[in-house]
Amino acid sequence: MPHFKLNEETGLIFADVAGLGDTAGNLVDIINCFIDKIILLKAKDVRFIIPLTRSQITEGRGAGTKEHIETVLNMCGTELEDIVKAI
């Protein structure tokens, strides 16, 4: 389940949602997609923060990291609606 944190000063809500390529299985991936889609439908604006470890960047010359970034870029259009449709 996603975790949410409200920044009282700015009114921004930070959400920690399921990651890309979750290893919990297909059913969990499908459920995560539905949850993420609901969150995106309710959002006025979305920005992604993708934390990476040093080993993720250096192992395989960053192949896994590049794959994640390409997935996010493919999801993103110029409109939030494009992102929601991609899920």
PDB file of N, CA and C in Angstrom:
ATOM      1  N   MET A   1       0.847  -1.185   0.000  1.00  0.00           N
ATOM      2  CA  MET A   1       0.000   0.000   0.000  1.00  0.00           C
ATOM      3  C   MET A   1       0.889   1.243   0.000  1.00  0.00           C
ATOM      4  N   PRO A   2       0.442   2.273  -0.676  1.00  0.00           N
ATOM      5  CA  PRO A   2       1.238   3.509  -0.718  1.00  0.00           C
ATOM      6  C   PRO A   2       1.254   4.211   0.634  1.00  0.00           C
ATOM      7  N   HIS A   3       2.298   4.951   0.865  1.00  0.00           N
ATOM      8  CA  HIS A   3       2.421   5.771   2.071  1.00  0.00           C
ATOM      9  C   HIS A   3       2.383   7.235   1.637  1.00  0.00           C
ATOM     10  N   PHE A   4       1.711   8.070   2.429  1.00  0.00           N
ATOM     11  CA  PHE A   4       1.544   9.476   2.081  1.00  0.00           C
ATOM     12  C   PHE A   4       2.079  10.360   3.192  1.00  0.00           C
ATOM     13  N   LYS A   5       2.653  11.502   2.799  1.00  0.00           N
ATOM     14  CA  LYS A   5       3.161  12.490   3.753  1.00  0.00           C
ATOM     15  C   LYS A   5       2.785  13.871   3.247  1.00  0.00           C
ATOM     16  N   LEU A   6       2.049  14.618   4.066  1.00  0.00           N
ATOM     17  CA  LEU A   6       1.638  15.974   3.725  1.00  0.00           C
ATOM     18  C   LEU A   6       2.675  16.960   4.233  1.00  0.00           C
ATOM     19  N   ASN A   7       3.136  17.859   3.364  1.00  0.00           N
ATOM     20  CA  ASN A   7       3.998  18.961   3.762  1.00  0.00           C
ATOM     21  C   ASN A   7       3.075  20.109   4.141  1.00  0.00           C
ATOM     22  N   GLU A   8       2.994  20.407   5.425  1.00  0.00           N
ATOM     23  CA  GLU A   8       2.069  21.418   5.946  1.00  0.00           C
ATOM     24  C   GLU A   8       2.319  22.805   5.343  1.00  0.00           C
ATOM     25  N   GLU A   9       3.598  23.147   5.094  1.00  0.00           N
ATOM     26  CA  GLU A   9       3.927  24.476   4.589  1.00  0.00           C
ATOM     27  C   GLU A   9       3.482  24.686   3.144  1.00  0.00           C
ATOM     28  N   THR A  10       3.676  23.664   2.312  1.00  0.00           N
ATOM     29  CA  THR A  10       3.404  23.822   0.877  1.00  0.00           C
ATOM     30  C   THR A  10       2.079  23.208   0.447  1.00  0.00           C
ATOM     31  N   GLY A  11       1.547  22.323   1.271  1.00  0.00           N
ATOM     32  CA  GLY A  11       0.323  21.619   0.900  1.00  0.00           C
ATOM     33  C   GLY A  11       0.578  20.461  -0.054  1.00  0.00           C
ATOM     34  N   LEU A  12       1.855  20.193  -0.363  1.00  0.00           N
ATOM     35  CA  LEU A  12       2.195  19.090  -1.248  1.00  0.00           C
ATOM     36  C   LEU A  12       2.046  17.765  -0.518  1.00  0.00           C
ATOM     37  N   ILE A  13       1.603  16.764  -1.246  1.00  0.00           N
ATOM     38  CA  ILE A  13       1.508  15.418  -0.687  1.00  0.00           C
ATOM     39  C   ILE A  13       2.517  14.543  -1.410  1.00  0.00           C
ATOM     40  N   PHE A  14       3.394  13.924  -0.641  1.00  0.00           N
ATOM     41  CA  PHE A  14       4.372  12.996  -1.190  1.00  0.00           C
ATOM     42  C   PHE A  14       3.821  11.589  -1.020  1.00  0.00           C
ATOM     43  N   ALA A  15       3.889  10.789  -2.082  1.00  0.00           N
ATOM     44  CA  ALA A  15       3.380   9.423  -2.037  1.00  0.00           C
ATOM     45  C   ALA A  15       4.497   8.455  -2.393  1.00  0.00           C
ATOM     46  N   ASP A  16       4.676   7.462  -1.544  1.00  0.00           N
ATOM     47  CA  ASP A  16       5.617   6.384  -1.827  1.00  0.00           C
ATOM     48  C   ASP A  16       4.774   5.235  -2.369  1.00  0.00           C
ATOM     49  N   VAL A  17       4.800   5.067  -3.681  1.00  0.00           N
ATOM     50  CA  VAL A  17       3.973   4.043  -4.322  1.00  0.00           C
ATOM     51  C   VAL A  17       4.845   2.878  -4.765  1.00  0.00           C
ATOM     52  N   ALA A  18       4.194   1.829  -5.211  1.00  0.00           N
ATOM     53  CA  ALA A  18       4.897   0.616  -5.635  1.00  0.00           C
ATOM     54  C   ALA A  18       5.917   0.930  -6.714  1.00  0.00           C
ATOM     55  N   GLY A  19       7.031   0.235  -6.635  1.00  0.00           N
ATOM     56  CA  GLY A  19       8.101   0.458  -7.589  1.00  0.00           C
ATOM     57  C   GLY A  19       7.904  -0.284  -8.891  1.00  0.00           C
ATOM     58  N   LEU A  20       8.779   0.017  -9.827  1.00  0.00           N
ATOM     59  CA  LEU A  20       8.762  -0.653 -11.119  1.00  0.00           C
ATOM     60  C   LEU A  20       9.364  -2.043 -10.962  1.00  0.00           C
ATOM     61  N   GLY A  21       8.739  -3.018 -11.579  1.00  0.00           N
ATOM     62  CA  GLY A  21       9.292  -4.368 -11.543  1.00  0.00           C
ATOM     63  C   GLY A  21       9.276  -4.985 -10.164  1.00  0.00           C
ATOM     64  N   ASP A  22       8.241  -4.724  -9.399  1.00  0.00           N
ATOM     65  CA  ASP A  22       8.118  -5.298  -8.058  1.00  0.00           C
ATOM     66  C   ASP A  22       8.215  -6.816  -8.138  1.00  0.00           C
ATOM     67  N   THR A  23       8.922  -7.412  -7.210  1.00  0.00           N
ATOM     68  CA  THR A  23       9.166  -8.856  -7.251  1.00  0.00           C
ATOM     69  C   THR A  23       8.125  -9.661  -6.476  1.00  0.00           C
ATOM     70  N   ALA A  24       7.033  -9.043  -6.080  1.00  0.00           N
ATOM     71  CA  ALA A  24       6.029  -9.754  -5.274  1.00  0.00           C
ATOM     72  C   ALA A  24       5.077 -10.596  -6.121  1.00  0.00           C
ATOM     73  N   GLY A  25       5.218 -10.558  -7.434  1.00  0.00           N
ATOM     74  CA  GLY A  25       4.396 -11.400  -8.294  1.00  0.00           C
ATOM     75  C   GLY A  25       3.423 -10.613  -9.149  1.00  0.00           C
ATOM     76  N   ASN A  26       2.833 -11.327 -10.110  1.00  0.00           N
ATOM     77  CA  ASN A  26       1.936 -10.688 -11.075  1.00  0.00           C
ATOM     78  C   ASN A  26       0.695 -10.091 -10.442  1.00  0.00           C
ATOM     79  N   LEU A  27       0.082 -10.802  -9.505  1.00  0.00           N
ATOM     80  CA  LEU A  27      -1.139 -10.298  -8.873  1.00  0.00           C
ATOM     81  C   LEU A  27      -0.868  -8.987  -8.153  1.00  0.00           C
ATOM     82  N   VAL A  28       0.233  -8.915  -7.425  1.00  0.00           N
ATOM     83  CA  VAL A  28       0.593  -7.688  -6.711  1.00  0.00           C
ATOM     84  C   VAL A  28       0.867  -6.566  -7.708  1.00  0.00           C
ATOM     85  N   ASP A  29       1.526  -6.877  -8.825  1.00  0.00           N
ATOM     86  CA  ASP A  29       1.771  -5.862  -9.862  1.00  0.00           C
ATOM     87  C   ASP A  29       0.467  -5.293 -10.401  1.00  0.00           C
ATOM     88  N   ILE A  30      -0.517  -6.152 -10.648  1.00  0.00           N
ATOM     89  CA  ILE A  30      -1.811  -5.698 -11.167  1.00  0.00           C
ATOM     90  C   ILE A  30      -2.519  -4.815 -10.157  1.00  0.00           C
ATOM     91  N   ILE A  31      -2.524  -5.227  -8.898  1.00  0.00           N
ATOM     92  CA  ILE A  31      -3.154  -4.435  -7.836  1.00  0.00           C
ATOM     93  C   ILE A  31      -2.455  -3.087  -7.711  1.00  0.00           C
ATOM     94  N   ASN A  32      -1.114  -3.092  -7.759  1.00  0.00           N
ATOM     95  CA  ASN A  32      -0.350  -1.845  -7.670  1.00  0.00           C
ATOM     96  C   ASN A  32      -0.703  -0.896  -8.808  1.00  0.00           C
ATOM     97  N   CYS A  33      -0.904  -1.425 -10.008  1.00  0.00           N
ATOM     98  CA  CYS A  33      -1.278  -0.579 -11.149  1.00  0.00           C
ATOM     99  C   CYS A  33      -2.607   0.115 -10.910  1.00  0.00           C
ATOM    100  N   PHE A  34      -3.580  -0.618 -10.369  1.00  0.00           N
ATOM    101  CA  PHE A  34      -4.880  -0.008 -10.073  1.00  0.00           C
ATOM    102  C   PHE A  34      -4.746   1.093  -9.016  1.00  0.00           C
ATOM    103  N   ILE A  35      -3.976   0.816  -7.970  1.00  0.00           N
ATOM    104  CA  ILE A  35      -3.783   1.811  -6.907  1.00  0.00           C
ATOM    105  C   ILE A  35      -3.090   3.050  -7.458  1.00  0.00           C
ATOM    106  N   ASP A  36      -2.021   2.835  -8.235  1.00  0.00           N
ATOM    107  CA  ASP A  36      -1.287   3.961  -8.815  1.00  0.00           C
ATOM    108  C   ASP A  36      -2.188   4.776  -9.735  1.00  0.00           C
ATOM    109  N   LYS A  37      -3.013   4.109 -10.516  1.00  0.00           N
ATOM    110  CA  LYS A  37      -3.899   4.814 -11.440  1.00  0.00           C
ATOM    111  C   LYS A  37      -4.895   5.693 -10.681  1.00  0.00           C
ATOM    112  N   ILE A  38      -5.445   5.188  -9.588  1.00  0.00           N
ATOM    113  CA  ILE A  38      -6.380   5.975  -8.772  1.00  0.00           C
ATOM    114  C   ILE A  38      -5.677   7.218  -8.223  1.00  0.00           C
ATOM    115  N   ILE A  39      -4.459   7.035  -7.737  1.00  0.00           N
ATOM    116  CA  ILE A  39      -3.695   8.168  -7.202  1.00  0.00           C
ATOM    117  C   ILE A  39      -3.469   9.212  -8.297  1.00  0.00           C
ATOM    118  N   LEU A  40      -3.066   8.764  -9.480  1.00  0.00           N
ATOM    119  CA  LEU A  40      -2.797   9.700 -10.573  1.00  0.00           C
ATOM    120  C   LEU A  40      -4.059  10.399 -11.048  1.00  0.00           C
ATOM    121  N   LEU A  41      -5.188   9.693 -11.039  1.00  0.00           N
ATOM    122  CA  LEU A  41      -6.450  10.319 -11.439  1.00  0.00           C
ATOM    123  C   LEU A  41      -6.856  11.445 -10.493  1.00  0.00           C
ATOM    124  N   LYS A  42      -6.519  11.305  -9.220  1.00  0.00           N
ATOM    125  CA  LYS A  42      -6.890  12.309  -8.224  1.00  0.00           C
ATOM    126  C   LYS A  42      -5.879  13.445  -8.121  1.00  0.00           C
ATOM    127  N   ALA A  43      -4.690  13.253  -8.696  1.00  0.00           N
ATOM    128  CA  ALA A  43      -3.621  14.245  -8.576  1.00  0.00           C
ATOM    129  C   ALA A  43      -3.824  15.410  -9.538  1.00  0.00           C
ATOM    130  N   LYS A  44      -3.485  16.587  -9.054  1.00  0.00           N
ATOM    131  CA  LYS A  44      -3.510  17.774  -9.907  1.00  0.00           C
ATOM    132  C   LYS A  44      -2.201  17.902 -10.681  1.00  0.00           C
ATOM    133  N   ASP A  45      -1.112  17.456 -10.069  1.00  0.00           N
ATOM    134  CA  ASP A  45       0.216  17.552 -10.664  1.00  0.00           C
ATOM    135  C   ASP A  45       1.029  16.370 -10.147  1.00  0.00           C
ATOM    136  N   VAL A  46       1.897  15.817 -10.979  1.00  0.00           N
ATOM    137  CA  VAL A  46       2.708  14.662 -10.578  1.00  0.00           C
ATOM    138  C   VAL A  46       4.154  14.917 -10.940  1.00  0.00           C
ATOM    139  N   ARG A  47       5.037  14.573 -10.018  1.00  0.00           N
ATOM    140  CA  ARG A  47       6.478  14.601 -10.265  1.00  0.00           C
ATOM    141  C   ARG A  47       7.047  13.312  -9.709  1.00  0.00           C
ATOM    142  N   PHE A  48       7.992  12.737 -10.437  1.00  0.00           N
ATOM    143  CA  PHE A  48       8.586  11.476 -10.019  1.00  0.00           C
ATOM    144  C   PHE A  48       9.924  11.719  -9.339  1.00  0.00           C
ATOM    145  N   ILE A  49      10.148  10.991  -8.255  1.00  0.00           N
ATOM    146  CA  ILE A  49      11.457  10.925  -7.614  1.00  0.00           C
ATOM    147  C   ILE A  49      11.848   9.456  -7.690  1.00  0.00           C
ATOM    148  N   ILE A  50      12.955   9.186  -8.364  1.00  0.00           N
ATOM    149  CA  ILE A  50      13.395   7.803  -8.525  1.00  0.00           C
ATOM    150  C   ILE A  50      14.728   7.650  -7.805  1.00  0.00           C
ATOM    151  N   PRO A  51      14.693   7.112  -6.571  1.00  0.00           N
ATOM    152  CA  PRO A  51      15.946   6.928  -5.838  1.00  0.00           C
ATOM    153  C   PRO A  51      16.746   5.768  -6.437  1.00  0.00           C
ATOM    154  N   LEU A  52      18.030   5.978  -6.568  1.00  0.00           N
ATOM    155  CA  LEU A  52      18.924   4.965  -7.107  1.00  0.00           C
ATOM    156  C   LEU A  52      20.114   4.783  -6.181  1.00  0.00           C
ATOM    157  N   THR A  53      20.551   3.550  -6.060  1.00  0.00           N
ATOM    158  CA  THR A  53      21.773   3.298  -5.295  1.00  0.00           C
ATOM    159  C   THR A  53      22.968   3.314  -6.240  1.00  0.00           C
ATOM    160  N   ARG A  54      24.132   3.468  -5.672  1.00  0.00           N
ATOM    161  CA  ARG A  54      25.353   3.482  -6.490  1.00  0.00           C
ATOM    162  C   ARG A  54      25.493   2.173  -7.268  1.00  0.00           C
ATOM    163  N   SER A  55      25.182   1.055  -6.618  1.00  0.00           N
ATOM    164  CA  SER A  55      25.337  -0.233  -7.297  1.00  0.00           C
ATOM    165  C   SER A  55      24.358  -0.374  -8.467  1.00  0.00           C
ATOM    166  N   GLN A  56      23.151   0.197  -8.343  1.00  0.00           N
ATOM    167  CA  GLN A  56      22.199   0.141  -9.455  1.00  0.00           C
ATOM    168  C   GLN A  56      22.736   0.877 -10.680  1.00  0.00           C
ATOM    169  N   ILE A  57      23.482   1.921 -10.438  1.00  0.00           N
ATOM    170  CA  ILE A  57      24.031   2.713 -11.538  1.00  0.00           C
ATOM    171  C   ILE A  57      25.256   2.029 -12.149  1.00  0.00           C
ATOM    172  N   THR A  58      26.092   1.404 -11.310  1.00  0.00           N
ATOM    173  CA  THR A  58      27.350   0.851 -11.803  1.00  0.00           C
ATOM    174  C   THR A  58      27.231  -0.583 -12.309  1.00  0.00           C
ATOM    175  N   GLU A  59      26.314  -1.386 -11.747  1.00  0.00           N
ATOM    176  CA  GLU A  59      26.185  -2.782 -12.180  1.00  0.00           C
ATOM    177  C   GLU A  59      25.638  -2.837 -13.602  1.00  0.00           C
ATOM    178  N   GLY A  60      26.287  -3.614 -14.434  1.00  0.00           N
ATOM    179  CA  GLY A  60      25.846  -3.750 -15.817  1.00  0.00           C
ATOM    180  C   GLY A  60      25.850  -2.427 -16.560  1.00  0.00           C
ATOM    181  N   ARG A  61      26.757  -1.552 -16.132  1.00  0.00           N
ATOM    182  CA  ARG A  61      26.855  -0.202 -16.727  1.00  0.00           C
ATOM    183  C   ARG A  61      25.524   0.548 -16.671  1.00  0.00           C
ATOM    184  N   GLY A  62      24.771   0.303 -15.606  1.00  0.00           N
ATOM    185  CA  GLY A  62      23.522   1.027 -15.391  1.00  0.00           C
ATOM    186  C   GLY A  62      22.359   0.543 -16.231  1.00  0.00           C
ATOM    187  N   ALA A  63      22.441  -0.689 -16.758  1.00  0.00           N
ATOM    188  CA  ALA A  63      21.390  -1.199 -17.649  1.00  0.00           C
ATOM    189  C   ALA A  63      20.026  -1.210 -16.965  1.00  0.00           C
ATOM    190  N   GLY A  64      19.967  -1.656 -15.713  1.00  0.00           N
ATOM    191  CA  GLY A  64      18.699  -1.678 -14.984  1.00  0.00           C
ATOM    192  C   GLY A  64      18.147  -0.289 -14.751  1.00  0.00           C
ATOM    193  N   THR A  65      19.030   0.634 -14.427  1.00  0.00           N
ATOM    194  CA  THR A  65      18.632   2.027 -14.213  1.00  0.00           C
ATOM    195  C   THR A  65      18.098   2.629 -15.508  1.00  0.00           C
ATOM    196  N   LYS A  66      18.783   2.398 -16.602  1.00  0.00           N
ATOM    197  CA  LYS A  66      18.330   2.910 -17.900  1.00  0.00           C
ATOM    198  C   LYS A  66      16.949   2.359 -18.242  1.00  0.00           C
ATOM    199  N   GLU A  67      16.738   1.081 -17.946  1.00  0.00           N
ATOM    200  CA  GLU A  67      15.443   0.457 -18.231  1.00  0.00           C
ATOM    201  C   GLU A  67      14.327   1.135 -17.438  1.00  0.00           C
ATOM    202  N   HIS A  68      14.576   1.399 -16.139  1.00  0.00           N
ATOM    203  CA  HIS A  68      13.569   2.081 -15.307  1.00  0.00           C
ATOM    204  C   HIS A  68      13.284   3.484 -15.830  1.00  0.00           C
ATOM    205  N   ILE A  69      14.329   4.218 -16.190  1.00  0.00           N
ATOM    206  CA  ILE A  69      14.144   5.580 -16.689  1.00  0.00           C
ATOM    207  C   ILE A  69      13.365   5.568 -18.006  1.00  0.00           C
ATOM    208  N   GLU A  70      13.679   4.624 -18.879  1.00  0.00           N
ATOM    209  CA  GLU A  70      12.947   4.518 -20.145  1.00  0.00           C
ATOM    210  C   GLU A  70      11.473   4.200 -19.905  1.00  0.00           C
ATOM    211  N   THR A  71      11.195   3.342 -18.922  1.00  0.00           N
ATOM    212  CA  THR A  71       9.802   3.010 -18.597  1.00  0.00           C
ATOM    213  C   THR A  71       9.049   4.250 -18.137  1.00  0.00           C
ATOM    214  N   VAL A  72       9.655   5.039 -17.251  1.00  0.00           N
ATOM    215  CA  VAL A  72       9.009   6.260 -16.769  1.00  0.00           C
ATOM    216  C   VAL A  72       8.825   7.251 -17.915  1.00  0.00           C
ATOM    217  N   LEU A  73       9.834   7.411 -18.754  1.00  0.00           N
ATOM    218  CA  LEU A  73       9.718   8.328 -19.891  1.00  0.00           C
ATOM    219  C   LEU A  73       8.615   7.895 -20.844  1.00  0.00           C
ATOM    220  N   ASN A  74       8.474   6.583 -21.047  1.00  0.00           N
ATOM    221  CA  ASN A  74       7.410   6.077 -21.919  1.00  0.00           C
ATOM    222  C   ASN A  74       6.029   6.312 -21.321  1.00  0.00           C
ATOM    223  N   MET A  75       5.948   6.318 -19.994  1.00  0.00           N
ATOM    224  CA  MET A  75       4.671   6.583 -19.323  1.00  0.00           C
ATOM    225  C   MET A  75       4.278   8.044 -19.427  1.00  0.00           C
ATOM    226  N   CYS A  76       5.268   8.903 -19.485  1.00  0.00           N
ATOM    227  CA  CYS A  76       5.021  10.332 -19.371  1.00  0.00           C
ATOM    228  C   CYS A  76       4.785  10.989 -20.715  1.00  0.00           C
ATOM    229  N   GLY A  77       3.745  11.757 -20.769  1.00  0.00           N
ATOM    230  CA  GLY A  77       3.516  12.631 -21.902  1.00  0.00           C
ATOM    231  C   GLY A  77       3.589  14.043 -21.373  1.00  0.00           C
ATOM    232  N   THR A  78       3.004  14.946 -22.079  1.00  0.00           N
ATOM    233  CA  THR A  78       2.995  16.317 -21.606  1.00  0.00           C
ATOM    234  C   THR A  78       1.831  16.554 -20.656  1.00  0.00           C
ATOM    235  N   GLU A  79       0.902  15.608 -20.589  1.00  0.00           N
ATOM    236  CA  GLU A  79      -0.284  15.774 -19.755  1.00  0.00           C
ATOM    237  C   GLU A  79      -0.401  14.618 -18.770  1.00  0.00           C
ATOM    238  N   LEU A  80      -0.928  14.894 -17.581  1.00  0.00           N
ATOM    239  CA  LEU A  80      -1.174  13.868 -16.582  1.00  0.00           C
ATOM    240  C   LEU A  80      -2.087  12.788 -17.159  1.00  0.00           C
ATOM    241  N   GLU A  81      -3.023  13.191 -17.990  1.00  0.00           N
ATOM    242  CA  GLU A  81      -3.945  12.244 -18.614  1.00  0.00           C
ATOM    243  C   GLU A  81      -3.181  11.176 -19.427  1.00  0.00           C
ATOM    244  N   ASP A  82      -2.093  11.577 -20.092  1.00  0.00           N
ATOM    245  CA  ASP A  82      -1.289  10.630 -20.859  1.00  0.00           C
ATOM    246  C   ASP A  82      -0.643   9.582 -19.956  1.00  0.00           C
ATOM    247  N   ILE A  83      -0.199  10.008 -18.789  1.00  0.00           N
ATOM    248  CA  ILE A  83       0.416   9.083 -17.837  1.00  0.00           C
ATOM    249  C   ILE A  83      -0.625   8.080 -17.359  1.00  0.00           C
ATOM    250  N   VAL A  84      -1.803   8.565 -16.982  1.00  0.00           N
ATOM    251  CA  VAL A  84      -2.869   7.699 -16.474  1.00  0.00           C
ATOM    252  C   VAL A  84      -3.265   6.675 -17.531  1.00  0.00           C
ATOM    253  N   LYS A  85      -3.375   7.087 -18.768  1.00  0.00           N
ATOM    254  CA  LYS A  85      -3.741   6.173 -19.852  1.00  0.00           C
ATOM    255  C   LYS A  85      -2.679   5.104 -20.075  1.00  0.00           C
ATOM    256  N   ALA A  86      -1.431   5.428 -19.763  1.00  0.00           N
ATOM    257  CA  ALA A  86      -0.334   4.491 -19.994  1.00  0.00           C
ATOM    258  C   ALA A  86      -0.319   3.353 -18.986  1.00  0.00           C
ATOM    259  N   ILE A  87      -1.032   3.507 -17.905  1.00  0.00           N
ATOM    260  CA  ILE A  87      -1.031   2.474 -16.855  1.00  0.00           C
ATOM    261  C   ILE A  87      -2.141   1.492 -17.112  1.00  0.00           C
TER     262      ILE A  87
END
